N, C-alpha and C. Protein backbone atom coordinates (compact mmCIF):
# COMPACT_ATOMS: atom_id res chain seq x y z
N UNK A 1 86.65 152.36 184.59
CA UNK A 1 86.39 150.91 184.43
C UNK A 1 87.33 150.35 183.37
N UNK A 2 87.95 149.25 183.64
CA UNK A 2 88.90 148.64 182.72
C UNK A 2 88.17 147.81 181.69
N UNK A 3 88.53 147.97 180.43
CA UNK A 3 87.94 147.21 179.35
C UNK A 3 88.68 145.88 179.18
N UNK A 4 88.10 144.82 179.75
CA UNK A 4 88.77 143.53 179.70
C UNK A 4 88.80 142.92 178.33
N UNK A 5 87.98 143.46 177.41
CA UNK A 5 87.99 142.89 176.05
C UNK A 5 89.29 143.18 175.33
N UNK A 6 90.10 144.07 175.88
CA UNK A 6 91.39 144.39 175.23
C UNK A 6 92.52 143.50 175.71
N UNK A 7 92.24 142.53 176.58
CA UNK A 7 93.30 141.73 177.16
C UNK A 7 94.07 140.94 176.09
N UNK A 8 93.41 140.59 175.02
CA UNK A 8 94.01 139.75 174.00
C UNK A 8 95.06 140.48 173.19
N UNK A 9 95.08 141.81 173.26
CA UNK A 9 96.04 142.56 172.47
C UNK A 9 97.28 142.89 173.28
N UNK A 10 98.36 143.11 172.57
CA UNK A 10 99.65 143.35 173.25
C UNK A 10 99.61 144.64 174.06
N UNK A 11 100.25 144.61 175.22
CA UNK A 11 100.32 145.80 176.07
C UNK A 11 101.54 146.63 175.76
N UNK A 12 102.17 146.38 174.64
CA UNK A 12 103.37 147.10 174.25
C UNK A 12 103.31 147.31 172.73
N UNK A 13 104.10 148.26 172.24
CA UNK A 13 104.21 148.50 170.82
C UNK A 13 105.37 147.67 170.27
N UNK A 14 105.04 146.73 169.40
CA UNK A 14 106.09 145.87 168.84
C UNK A 14 106.97 146.68 167.88
N UNK A 15 108.22 146.28 167.81
CA UNK A 15 109.19 147.00 166.96
C UNK A 15 108.98 146.57 165.50
N UNK A 16 108.61 147.55 164.68
CA UNK A 16 108.43 147.28 163.27
C UNK A 16 109.75 146.96 162.59
N UNK A 17 110.80 147.66 163.03
CA UNK A 17 112.12 147.44 162.46
C UNK A 17 112.60 146.01 162.72
N UNK A 18 112.41 145.56 163.98
CA UNK A 18 112.82 144.18 164.31
C UNK A 18 112.03 143.15 163.55
N UNK A 19 110.70 143.37 163.46
CA UNK A 19 109.84 142.44 162.69
C UNK A 19 110.21 142.40 161.24
N UNK A 20 110.51 143.60 160.67
CA UNK A 20 110.92 143.64 159.26
C UNK A 20 112.25 142.97 159.01
N UNK A 21 113.20 143.16 159.94
CA UNK A 21 114.53 142.54 159.79
C UNK A 21 114.43 141.03 159.84
N UNK A 22 113.68 140.53 160.83
CA UNK A 22 113.54 139.08 160.96
C UNK A 22 112.76 138.52 159.76
N UNK A 23 111.75 139.27 159.30
CA UNK A 23 111.00 138.84 158.10
C UNK A 23 111.92 138.71 156.90
N UNK A 24 112.85 139.65 156.77
CA UNK A 24 113.82 139.59 155.65
C UNK A 24 114.68 138.31 155.75
N UNK A 25 115.11 138.02 156.98
CA UNK A 25 115.95 136.83 157.17
C UNK A 25 115.14 135.56 156.87
N UNK A 26 113.88 135.54 157.36
CA UNK A 26 113.03 134.39 157.09
C UNK A 26 112.77 134.26 155.57
N UNK A 27 112.62 135.43 154.90
CA UNK A 27 112.39 135.41 153.45
C UNK A 27 113.57 134.81 152.70
N UNK A 28 114.78 135.21 153.11
CA UNK A 28 115.99 134.66 152.50
C UNK A 28 116.07 133.14 152.75
N UNK A 29 115.76 132.77 154.01
CA UNK A 29 115.75 131.34 154.34
C UNK A 29 114.72 130.60 153.52
N UNK A 30 113.57 131.23 153.30
CA UNK A 30 112.50 130.60 152.51
C UNK A 30 112.95 130.36 151.07
N UNK A 31 113.60 131.35 150.48
CA UNK A 31 114.08 131.22 149.11
C UNK A 31 115.13 130.10 149.03
N UNK A 32 116.05 130.09 150.01
CA UNK A 32 117.09 129.04 150.04
C UNK A 32 116.45 127.67 150.20
N UNK A 33 115.40 127.60 151.04
CA UNK A 33 114.72 126.33 151.25
C UNK A 33 114.04 125.81 149.99
N UNK A 34 113.41 126.72 149.25
CA UNK A 34 112.75 126.33 148.00
C UNK A 34 113.77 125.84 146.99
N UNK A 35 114.90 126.56 146.88
CA UNK A 35 115.96 126.16 145.95
C UNK A 35 116.49 124.79 146.30
N UNK A 36 116.75 124.59 147.59
CA UNK A 36 117.27 123.29 148.04
C UNK A 36 116.24 122.18 147.80
N UNK A 37 114.97 122.48 148.02
CA UNK A 37 113.93 121.48 147.84
C UNK A 37 113.83 121.06 146.37
N UNK A 38 113.98 122.04 145.47
CA UNK A 38 113.95 121.74 144.03
C UNK A 38 115.13 120.86 143.66
N UNK A 39 116.28 121.16 144.23
CA UNK A 39 117.50 120.40 143.92
C UNK A 39 117.37 118.94 144.35
N UNK A 40 116.70 118.69 145.45
CA UNK A 40 116.56 117.31 145.93
C UNK A 40 115.20 116.73 145.53
N UNK A 41 114.53 117.42 144.59
CA UNK A 41 113.26 116.94 144.02
C UNK A 41 112.19 116.72 145.07
N UNK A 42 112.15 117.59 146.04
CA UNK A 42 111.12 117.58 147.07
C UNK A 42 111.00 116.23 147.77
N UNK A 43 112.14 115.65 148.10
CA UNK A 43 112.17 114.38 148.85
C UNK A 43 112.97 114.56 150.13
N UNK A 44 112.46 114.07 151.27
CA UNK A 44 111.13 113.52 151.50
C UNK A 44 110.06 114.61 151.44
N UNK A 45 108.96 114.30 150.83
CA UNK A 45 107.96 115.31 150.45
C UNK A 45 107.24 115.93 151.65
N UNK A 46 106.71 115.11 152.55
CA UNK A 46 105.88 115.65 153.62
C UNK A 46 106.64 116.65 154.52
N UNK A 47 107.82 116.28 155.04
CA UNK A 47 108.54 117.27 155.87
C UNK A 47 108.85 118.56 155.13
N UNK A 48 109.19 118.46 153.85
CA UNK A 48 109.51 119.64 153.08
C UNK A 48 108.30 120.56 152.92
N UNK A 49 107.14 119.96 152.66
CA UNK A 49 105.94 120.76 152.50
C UNK A 49 105.55 121.42 153.81
N UNK A 50 105.64 120.67 154.92
CA UNK A 50 105.29 121.21 156.22
C UNK A 50 106.19 122.38 156.62
N UNK A 51 107.49 122.23 156.35
CA UNK A 51 108.43 123.32 156.69
C UNK A 51 108.20 124.51 155.76
N UNK A 52 107.83 124.25 154.51
CA UNK A 52 107.52 125.35 153.59
C UNK A 52 106.33 126.14 154.09
N UNK A 53 105.29 125.43 154.52
CA UNK A 53 104.11 126.10 155.08
C UNK A 53 104.48 126.91 156.33
N UNK A 54 105.33 126.33 157.16
CA UNK A 54 105.79 127.02 158.37
C UNK A 54 106.54 128.29 158.03
N UNK A 55 107.46 128.21 157.08
CA UNK A 55 108.22 129.39 156.64
C UNK A 55 107.27 130.49 156.14
N UNK A 56 106.34 130.10 155.29
CA UNK A 56 105.42 131.09 154.71
C UNK A 56 104.55 131.73 155.78
N UNK A 57 104.05 130.91 156.71
CA UNK A 57 103.18 131.45 157.77
C UNK A 57 103.91 132.44 158.65
N UNK A 58 105.11 132.06 159.10
CA UNK A 58 105.87 132.95 159.98
C UNK A 58 106.34 134.20 159.22
N UNK A 59 106.68 134.05 157.94
CA UNK A 59 107.11 135.18 157.11
C UNK A 59 105.96 136.20 157.00
N UNK A 60 104.78 135.72 156.65
CA UNK A 60 103.63 136.62 156.52
C UNK A 60 103.27 137.22 157.87
N UNK A 61 103.37 136.43 158.93
CA UNK A 61 103.10 136.92 160.29
C UNK A 61 104.01 138.13 160.61
N UNK A 62 105.28 137.99 160.31
CA UNK A 62 106.26 139.07 160.63
C UNK A 62 106.02 140.28 159.73
N UNK A 63 105.68 140.05 158.46
CA UNK A 63 105.40 141.15 157.56
C UNK A 63 104.21 141.98 158.07
N UNK A 64 103.16 141.29 158.53
CA UNK A 64 102.00 141.99 159.04
C UNK A 64 102.35 142.78 160.30
N UNK A 65 103.19 142.21 161.16
CA UNK A 65 103.61 142.95 162.34
C UNK A 65 104.43 144.17 161.97
N UNK A 66 105.17 144.08 160.87
CA UNK A 66 106.02 145.20 160.46
C UNK A 66 105.23 146.32 159.82
N UNK A 67 104.12 146.00 159.16
CA UNK A 67 103.37 147.03 158.42
C UNK A 67 102.14 147.56 159.16
N UNK A 68 101.61 146.77 160.11
CA UNK A 68 100.42 147.21 160.83
C UNK A 68 100.77 148.34 161.80
N UNK A 69 99.89 149.33 161.85
CA UNK A 69 100.01 150.38 162.87
C UNK A 69 99.50 149.79 164.18
N UNK A 70 99.74 150.52 165.29
CA UNK A 70 99.31 150.04 166.60
C UNK A 70 97.78 149.88 166.64
N UNK A 71 97.09 150.86 166.07
CA UNK A 71 95.62 150.81 166.04
C UNK A 71 95.13 149.63 165.24
N UNK A 72 95.74 149.41 164.07
CA UNK A 72 95.34 148.29 163.22
C UNK A 72 95.67 146.96 163.87
N UNK A 73 96.81 146.90 164.55
CA UNK A 73 97.22 145.65 165.21
C UNK A 73 96.22 145.24 166.30
N UNK A 74 95.60 146.24 166.92
CA UNK A 74 94.67 145.96 168.01
C UNK A 74 93.24 145.74 167.53
N UNK A 75 93.04 145.68 166.20
CA UNK A 75 91.72 145.35 165.70
C UNK A 75 91.53 143.83 165.77
N UNK A 76 90.28 143.40 165.86
CA UNK A 76 90.02 141.98 166.01
C UNK A 76 90.54 141.19 164.82
N UNK A 77 90.33 141.71 163.61
CA UNK A 77 90.73 140.98 162.41
C UNK A 77 92.24 140.82 162.32
N UNK A 78 92.98 141.89 162.59
CA UNK A 78 94.45 141.84 162.52
C UNK A 78 94.99 140.91 163.60
N UNK A 79 94.45 141.04 164.80
CA UNK A 79 94.89 140.20 165.92
C UNK A 79 94.67 138.73 165.61
N UNK A 80 93.51 138.42 165.06
CA UNK A 80 93.20 137.02 164.70
C UNK A 80 94.15 136.51 163.62
N UNK A 81 94.41 137.34 162.63
CA UNK A 81 95.28 136.94 161.52
C UNK A 81 96.68 136.59 161.98
N UNK A 82 97.29 137.49 162.77
CA UNK A 82 98.68 137.25 163.22
C UNK A 82 98.74 136.05 164.16
N UNK A 83 97.71 135.89 164.99
CA UNK A 83 97.67 134.76 165.93
C UNK A 83 97.58 133.43 165.19
N UNK A 84 96.69 133.37 164.18
CA UNK A 84 96.51 132.15 163.41
C UNK A 84 97.79 131.81 162.63
N UNK A 85 98.39 132.81 162.02
CA UNK A 85 99.62 132.58 161.24
C UNK A 85 100.74 132.05 162.13
N UNK A 86 100.89 132.66 163.32
CA UNK A 86 101.94 132.19 164.23
C UNK A 86 101.65 130.75 164.70
N UNK A 87 100.40 130.49 165.04
CA UNK A 87 100.01 129.16 165.51
C UNK A 87 100.27 128.10 164.44
N UNK A 88 99.90 128.41 163.20
CA UNK A 88 100.10 127.47 162.10
C UNK A 88 101.59 127.23 161.88
N UNK A 89 102.38 128.32 161.87
CA UNK A 89 103.81 128.18 161.64
C UNK A 89 104.51 127.32 162.67
N UNK A 90 104.18 127.54 163.94
CA UNK A 90 104.81 126.77 165.01
C UNK A 90 104.41 125.32 164.97
N UNK A 91 103.13 125.05 164.72
CA UNK A 91 102.66 123.66 164.70
C UNK A 91 103.17 122.88 163.49
N UNK A 92 103.36 123.56 162.36
CA UNK A 92 103.90 122.88 161.19
C UNK A 92 105.36 122.44 161.45
N UNK A 93 106.11 123.25 162.19
CA UNK A 93 107.48 122.89 162.51
C UNK A 93 107.48 121.59 163.34
N UNK A 94 106.60 121.53 164.31
CA UNK A 94 106.52 120.35 165.18
C UNK A 94 106.17 119.10 164.37
N UNK A 95 105.15 119.22 163.50
CA UNK A 95 104.75 118.07 162.71
C UNK A 95 105.86 117.65 161.74
N UNK A 96 106.57 118.63 161.18
CA UNK A 96 107.67 118.31 160.25
C UNK A 96 108.77 117.53 160.97
N UNK A 97 109.06 117.91 162.19
CA UNK A 97 110.12 117.22 162.96
C UNK A 97 109.73 115.77 163.26
N UNK A 98 108.49 115.57 163.72
CA UNK A 98 108.03 114.22 164.00
C UNK A 98 107.99 113.36 162.72
N UNK A 99 107.52 113.95 161.62
CA UNK A 99 107.46 113.22 160.37
C UNK A 99 108.84 112.89 159.86
N UNK A 100 109.80 113.80 160.10
CA UNK A 100 111.18 113.58 159.67
C UNK A 100 111.77 112.33 160.30
N UNK A 101 111.40 112.06 161.55
CA UNK A 101 111.90 110.87 162.24
C UNK A 101 111.49 109.59 161.50
N UNK A 102 110.27 109.60 160.95
CA UNK A 102 109.78 108.40 160.28
C UNK A 102 110.39 108.23 158.90
N UNK A 103 111.06 109.28 158.38
CA UNK A 103 111.64 109.23 157.07
C UNK A 103 113.12 108.79 157.09
N UNK A 104 113.75 108.86 158.28
CA UNK A 104 115.17 108.60 158.38
C UNK A 104 115.51 107.12 158.29
N UNK A 105 114.67 106.29 158.85
CA UNK A 105 114.98 104.87 158.92
C UNK A 105 113.71 104.07 158.74
N UNK A 106 113.85 102.81 158.43
CA UNK A 106 112.68 101.94 158.26
C UNK A 106 112.21 101.47 159.63
N UNK A 107 111.39 102.29 160.24
CA UNK A 107 110.81 101.91 161.54
C UNK A 107 109.70 100.91 161.30
N UNK A 108 109.31 100.23 162.36
CA UNK A 108 108.17 99.32 162.26
C UNK A 108 106.94 100.15 161.88
N UNK A 109 106.07 99.60 161.03
CA UNK A 109 104.92 100.36 160.54
C UNK A 109 104.08 100.95 161.68
N UNK A 110 103.85 100.19 162.75
CA UNK A 110 103.01 100.68 163.83
C UNK A 110 103.68 101.84 164.58
N UNK A 111 105.00 101.83 164.63
CA UNK A 111 105.72 102.93 165.27
C UNK A 111 105.58 104.20 164.45
N UNK A 112 105.77 104.09 163.14
CA UNK A 112 105.65 105.25 162.27
C UNK A 112 104.23 105.81 162.30
N UNK A 113 103.23 104.94 162.26
CA UNK A 113 101.84 105.40 162.32
C UNK A 113 101.53 106.07 163.64
N UNK A 114 102.06 105.52 164.72
CA UNK A 114 101.82 106.11 166.05
C UNK A 114 102.41 107.50 166.14
N UNK A 115 103.65 107.64 165.63
CA UNK A 115 104.32 108.95 165.67
C UNK A 115 103.56 109.98 164.85
N UNK A 116 103.19 109.61 163.63
CA UNK A 116 102.52 110.57 162.74
C UNK A 116 101.12 110.90 163.21
N UNK A 117 100.31 109.86 163.45
CA UNK A 117 98.93 110.07 163.86
C UNK A 117 98.86 110.73 165.20
N UNK A 118 99.70 110.30 166.14
CA UNK A 118 99.72 110.89 167.48
C UNK A 118 100.03 112.36 167.46
N UNK A 119 101.07 112.77 166.73
CA UNK A 119 101.45 114.17 166.67
C UNK A 119 100.38 115.01 165.98
N UNK A 120 99.76 114.46 164.94
CA UNK A 120 98.70 115.20 164.23
C UNK A 120 97.50 115.42 165.12
N UNK A 121 97.08 114.37 165.84
CA UNK A 121 95.94 114.47 166.74
C UNK A 121 96.17 115.50 167.83
N UNK A 122 97.36 115.47 168.41
CA UNK A 122 97.68 116.44 169.49
C UNK A 122 97.70 117.86 168.95
N UNK A 123 98.30 118.08 167.79
CA UNK A 123 98.36 119.41 167.21
C UNK A 123 96.95 119.91 166.87
N UNK A 124 96.12 119.04 166.29
CA UNK A 124 94.75 119.44 165.98
C UNK A 124 93.97 119.76 167.25
N UNK A 125 94.18 118.96 168.29
CA UNK A 125 93.52 119.19 169.56
C UNK A 125 93.90 120.53 170.16
N UNK A 126 95.19 120.86 170.12
CA UNK A 126 95.62 122.16 170.66
C UNK A 126 95.07 123.32 169.85
N UNK A 127 94.90 123.10 168.54
CA UNK A 127 94.34 124.15 167.68
C UNK A 127 92.86 124.34 167.95
N UNK A 128 92.13 123.24 168.13
CA UNK A 128 90.70 123.32 168.42
C UNK A 128 90.46 124.11 169.70
N UNK A 129 91.32 123.94 170.70
CA UNK A 129 91.16 124.68 171.94
C UNK A 129 91.26 126.18 171.75
N UNK A 130 92.02 126.60 170.71
CA UNK A 130 92.16 128.02 170.45
C UNK A 130 90.90 128.68 169.87
N UNK A 131 90.03 127.87 169.27
CA UNK A 131 88.82 128.42 168.65
C UNK A 131 87.88 129.00 169.70
N UNK A 132 87.45 128.22 170.71
CA UNK A 132 86.60 128.83 171.76
C UNK A 132 87.34 129.88 172.55
N UNK A 133 88.65 129.75 172.68
CA UNK A 133 89.43 130.76 173.41
C UNK A 133 89.32 132.12 172.72
N UNK A 134 89.38 132.09 171.39
CA UNK A 134 89.25 133.34 170.63
C UNK A 134 87.85 133.89 170.70
N UNK A 135 86.84 133.03 170.64
CA UNK A 135 85.45 133.49 170.68
C UNK A 135 85.08 134.07 172.05
N UNK A 136 85.68 133.54 173.11
CA UNK A 136 85.35 133.98 174.47
C UNK A 136 86.19 135.19 174.91
N UNK A 137 87.22 135.54 174.15
CA UNK A 137 88.16 136.56 174.63
C UNK A 137 87.62 137.97 174.63
N UNK A 138 86.54 138.21 173.88
CA UNK A 138 86.01 139.57 173.81
C UNK A 138 84.90 139.86 174.83
N UNK A 139 84.52 138.86 175.59
CA UNK A 139 83.49 139.02 176.60
C UNK A 139 84.11 139.09 177.99
N UNK A 140 83.85 140.18 178.72
CA UNK A 140 84.46 140.35 180.03
C UNK A 140 84.10 139.21 180.99
N UNK A 141 82.94 138.59 180.79
CA UNK A 141 82.50 137.52 181.69
C UNK A 141 83.18 136.18 181.40
N UNK A 142 83.79 136.07 180.23
CA UNK A 142 84.39 134.79 179.85
C UNK A 142 85.90 134.93 179.56
N UNK A 143 86.48 136.07 179.93
CA UNK A 143 87.91 136.29 179.72
C UNK A 143 88.75 135.23 180.41
N UNK A 144 88.40 134.92 181.66
CA UNK A 144 89.20 133.96 182.42
C UNK A 144 89.15 132.58 181.75
N UNK A 145 87.98 132.16 181.30
CA UNK A 145 87.84 130.87 180.63
C UNK A 145 88.65 130.87 179.35
N UNK A 146 88.60 131.97 178.60
CA UNK A 146 89.37 132.07 177.37
C UNK A 146 90.86 131.91 177.63
N UNK A 147 91.35 132.57 178.68
CA UNK A 147 92.77 132.48 178.97
C UNK A 147 93.17 131.09 179.40
N UNK A 148 92.32 130.43 180.18
CA UNK A 148 92.62 129.08 180.65
C UNK A 148 92.73 128.13 179.43
N UNK A 149 91.84 128.31 178.48
CA UNK A 149 91.91 127.47 177.26
C UNK A 149 93.20 127.72 176.49
N UNK A 150 93.64 128.99 176.44
CA UNK A 150 94.90 129.30 175.78
C UNK A 150 96.07 128.66 176.54
N UNK A 151 95.98 128.67 177.86
CA UNK A 151 97.05 128.04 178.65
C UNK A 151 97.13 126.54 178.36
N UNK A 152 95.97 125.89 178.31
CA UNK A 152 95.96 124.45 178.04
C UNK A 152 96.52 124.16 176.66
N UNK A 153 96.11 124.94 175.67
CA UNK A 153 96.59 124.76 174.31
C UNK A 153 98.12 124.93 174.25
N UNK A 154 98.62 125.95 174.91
CA UNK A 154 100.07 126.18 174.91
C UNK A 154 100.81 125.07 175.65
N UNK A 155 100.21 124.59 176.74
CA UNK A 155 100.84 123.51 177.48
C UNK A 155 100.91 122.23 176.66
N UNK A 156 99.88 122.00 175.85
CA UNK A 156 99.86 120.83 174.97
C UNK A 156 100.99 120.95 173.94
N UNK A 157 101.13 122.15 173.36
CA UNK A 157 102.21 122.37 172.37
C UNK A 157 103.57 122.18 173.00
N UNK A 158 103.74 122.74 174.21
CA UNK A 158 105.03 122.60 174.91
C UNK A 158 105.31 121.11 175.23
N UNK A 159 104.27 120.41 175.68
CA UNK A 159 104.43 118.99 175.98
C UNK A 159 104.84 118.18 174.78
N UNK A 160 104.21 118.48 173.64
CA UNK A 160 104.57 117.76 172.38
C UNK A 160 105.99 118.11 171.97
N UNK A 161 106.39 119.35 172.21
CA UNK A 161 107.76 119.77 171.88
C UNK A 161 108.78 119.00 172.70
N UNK A 162 108.54 118.93 174.01
CA UNK A 162 109.47 118.24 174.92
C UNK A 162 109.47 116.74 174.63
N UNK A 163 108.29 116.17 174.35
CA UNK A 163 108.17 114.75 174.10
C UNK A 163 108.99 114.30 172.90
N UNK A 164 109.24 115.24 171.98
CA UNK A 164 109.98 114.89 170.76
C UNK A 164 111.34 114.27 171.10
N UNK A 165 112.01 114.79 172.11
CA UNK A 165 113.37 114.32 172.40
C UNK A 165 113.45 112.87 172.87
N UNK A 166 112.58 112.45 173.82
CA UNK A 166 112.61 111.02 174.17
C UNK A 166 112.19 110.11 173.02
N UNK A 167 111.24 110.60 172.19
CA UNK A 167 110.84 109.83 171.01
C UNK A 167 112.01 109.73 170.03
N UNK A 168 112.70 110.83 169.87
CA UNK A 168 113.85 110.87 168.97
C UNK A 168 114.91 109.83 169.35
N UNK A 169 115.27 109.81 170.64
CA UNK A 169 116.31 108.89 171.10
C UNK A 169 115.78 107.45 171.20
N UNK A 170 114.48 107.30 171.46
CA UNK A 170 113.91 105.95 171.55
C UNK A 170 113.91 105.26 170.19
N UNK A 171 113.71 106.03 169.12
CA UNK A 171 113.70 105.45 167.78
C UNK A 171 115.11 105.21 167.25
N UNK A 172 116.12 105.74 167.95
CA UNK A 172 117.53 105.57 167.58
C UNK A 172 117.85 106.11 166.19
N UNK A 173 117.04 107.08 165.75
CA UNK A 173 117.28 107.67 164.43
C UNK A 173 118.40 108.69 164.45
N UNK A 174 118.84 109.07 165.66
CA UNK A 174 119.91 110.05 165.76
C UNK A 174 121.19 109.56 165.07
N UNK A 175 121.36 108.26 165.02
CA UNK A 175 122.56 107.68 164.40
C UNK A 175 122.55 107.88 162.89
N UNK A 176 121.37 108.12 162.33
CA UNK A 176 121.24 108.28 160.88
C UNK A 176 121.38 109.73 160.45
N UNK A 177 121.48 110.65 161.40
CA UNK A 177 121.46 112.07 161.08
C UNK A 177 122.87 112.66 160.95
N UNK A 178 122.98 113.67 160.10
CA UNK A 178 124.22 114.43 160.03
C UNK A 178 124.23 115.46 161.17
N UNK A 179 125.37 116.06 161.43
CA UNK A 179 125.44 117.07 162.49
C UNK A 179 124.53 118.24 162.17
N UNK A 180 124.44 118.60 160.88
CA UNK A 180 123.60 119.73 160.47
C UNK A 180 122.13 119.44 160.80
N UNK A 181 121.68 118.20 160.52
CA UNK A 181 120.29 117.81 160.77
C UNK A 181 119.98 117.88 162.25
N UNK A 182 120.94 117.42 163.08
CA UNK A 182 120.74 117.44 164.53
C UNK A 182 120.60 118.89 165.04
N UNK A 183 121.48 119.77 164.56
CA UNK A 183 121.43 121.19 164.97
C UNK A 183 120.11 121.82 164.56
N UNK A 184 119.67 121.56 163.34
CA UNK A 184 118.41 122.13 162.86
C UNK A 184 117.22 121.66 163.68
N UNK A 185 117.22 120.38 164.03
CA UNK A 185 116.10 119.84 164.83
C UNK A 185 116.07 120.49 166.21
N UNK A 186 117.23 120.66 166.83
CA UNK A 186 117.28 121.25 168.16
C UNK A 186 116.81 122.70 168.11
N UNK A 187 117.27 123.46 167.11
CA UNK A 187 116.86 124.86 166.99
C UNK A 187 115.38 124.98 166.71
N UNK A 188 114.86 124.17 165.82
CA UNK A 188 113.46 124.29 165.42
C UNK A 188 112.51 123.94 166.56
N UNK A 189 112.95 123.15 167.53
CA UNK A 189 112.08 122.78 168.63
C UNK A 189 111.99 123.89 169.67
N UNK A 190 112.81 124.94 169.52
CA UNK A 190 112.77 126.06 170.48
C UNK A 190 111.63 127.01 170.14
N UNK A 191 111.20 127.08 168.89
CA UNK A 191 110.21 128.06 168.45
C UNK A 191 108.86 127.99 169.17
N UNK A 192 108.31 126.79 169.44
CA UNK A 192 107.00 126.77 170.10
C UNK A 192 106.96 127.47 171.46
N UNK A 193 108.10 127.64 172.12
CA UNK A 193 108.12 128.32 173.41
C UNK A 193 107.68 129.77 173.27
N UNK A 194 107.83 130.34 172.05
CA UNK A 194 107.42 131.72 171.83
C UNK A 194 105.95 131.94 172.14
N UNK A 195 105.13 130.90 171.83
CA UNK A 195 103.71 131.02 172.10
C UNK A 195 103.42 131.11 173.59
N UNK A 196 104.20 130.39 174.40
CA UNK A 196 104.03 130.46 175.83
C UNK A 196 104.39 131.85 176.36
N UNK A 197 105.37 132.49 175.75
CA UNK A 197 105.74 133.84 176.17
C UNK A 197 104.56 134.81 175.96
N UNK A 198 103.82 134.59 174.88
CA UNK A 198 102.66 135.44 174.62
C UNK A 198 101.60 135.25 175.70
N UNK A 199 101.39 134.00 176.13
CA UNK A 199 100.40 133.72 177.15
C UNK A 199 100.84 134.30 178.49
N UNK A 200 102.14 134.30 178.78
CA UNK A 200 102.62 134.90 180.03
C UNK A 200 102.32 136.39 180.05
N UNK A 201 102.54 137.04 178.89
CA UNK A 201 102.26 138.46 178.78
C UNK A 201 100.79 138.74 178.98
N UNK A 202 99.92 137.84 178.48
CA UNK A 202 98.48 138.03 178.67
C UNK A 202 98.10 137.83 180.14
N UNK A 203 98.73 136.90 180.82
CA UNK A 203 98.47 136.68 182.22
C UNK A 203 98.83 137.91 183.04
N UNK A 204 99.93 138.59 182.70
CA UNK A 204 100.34 139.79 183.41
C UNK A 204 99.27 140.87 183.27
N UNK A 205 98.71 140.99 182.03
CA UNK A 205 97.68 141.99 181.81
C UNK A 205 96.43 141.69 182.63
N UNK A 206 96.04 140.42 182.69
CA UNK A 206 94.84 140.04 183.44
C UNK A 206 95.03 140.31 184.93
N UNK A 207 96.25 139.98 185.43
CA UNK A 207 96.56 140.23 186.85
C UNK A 207 96.48 141.73 187.13
N UNK A 208 96.93 142.53 186.17
CA UNK A 208 96.87 143.98 186.37
C UNK A 208 95.40 144.46 186.45
N UNK A 209 94.55 143.85 185.61
CA UNK A 209 93.14 144.22 185.63
C UNK A 209 92.50 143.89 186.97
N UNK A 210 92.90 142.76 187.56
CA UNK A 210 92.30 142.32 188.81
C UNK A 210 92.57 143.31 189.95
N UNK A 211 93.67 144.05 189.87
CA UNK A 211 94.02 144.97 190.94
C UNK A 211 93.39 146.34 190.77
N UNK A 212 92.73 146.55 189.60
CA UNK A 212 92.16 147.87 189.36
C UNK A 212 90.67 147.89 189.67
């Protein structure tokens, strides 16, 4: 009999060396980001704080993946910790990007409020969906419901990520950006797709269970 309660854990052994290497790169980036933030006196403040939280969350997430053994990684506590850290890191990047748009130019107050409040509400909503998904994931009778909730949450994150581009061009703030800022925004919007990859891997596991 297949134990469906294990569906939430990875069906592969993650590379500790790769996680450690990327963690080192993120750590260097984090130090550089802090130094740069101090030099510009933490202005604009909100985007800098959000990106700092994102860096820290993803850095700790990778460190845990590098040091956890396979057995420890498959424990409920460890799985919850790395999932929460990754979710926080990805969502903070999204919020930082949306908030950055409101800092570039003097947009109409209602436009700035809509961008900030709208992105925050959507991010909180996608996070709330992950709570029952986690609670239901250990029960074989509610595994399917748990996975569907994860799918919806990931779809919301992906939708918010894609929506950023039309909002970006609609506000015409691209004219105020340097080439470096444009490149950083494009790269940072790719990260939320990583969460969808995790859900695809979970779907493969569930499909495998159905055939056994």
